[in-house]
Amino acid sequence: MEHFKGEERILYIKISGEFIPIGCLSDNSFSESSETIDTTTRDNAGWSTSRPTMQNYSISFSGIQVNSTLAGGDLNVASYDRLKELKRGRQLLDWKIQGVNFPLVDYGKAYITDISEAAPVNELITFNGTLSGFGQPLMASIALVLLNNGDPTKIIQDGNTNLIQV
């Protein structure tokens, strides 16, 4: 049985045509849900039933704040300062969650709908945020993503749910 560690799955967003990691990421989680409609009939012997309708997903993340926009900072990551600008600009972002030894890459489009920081005395400043999904999240093999220079947005479905290279 193979186990995976959380630090092996990193959240990236695409800025200026390049995927960059969320800087000093300490946690990221992916959550999906479905709305339902009731389908209870007389044949259900008094038990309720339902059917899924609209689906959605969100990605929550947190990290330790670093300078990712000003001179002297790490411009190869996205931290609170850069993420805050993207949220305020209401930008639709490409994202991916990719791991070192994990065989699959999750990816899609989302908006930053929540961003906050915490600045406790005598501790490092941290931040939290949420990406709210836009459309369906997708998944591809790491091998196919690597063939596209790490960019899963260059992979499309052929109409039969088969992933193909652009």
Foldseek 3Di string as FASTA:
>chain_A
DDDDDQVQKFKWWDDPRDTATAPQWDDKDKDKDFDWDWDDDPVVVPDTDIDTDDMWMKMKTKGFAWDCDDPPTNVRHHYQVNLVVQQVVQDWIKMWIGGDPDFKIKIAIWHWPDKDWDDDPPDTIMMMTMTIGDDDIDMDTPVLCVVVVNDPVQWDAPVVRDIDGD
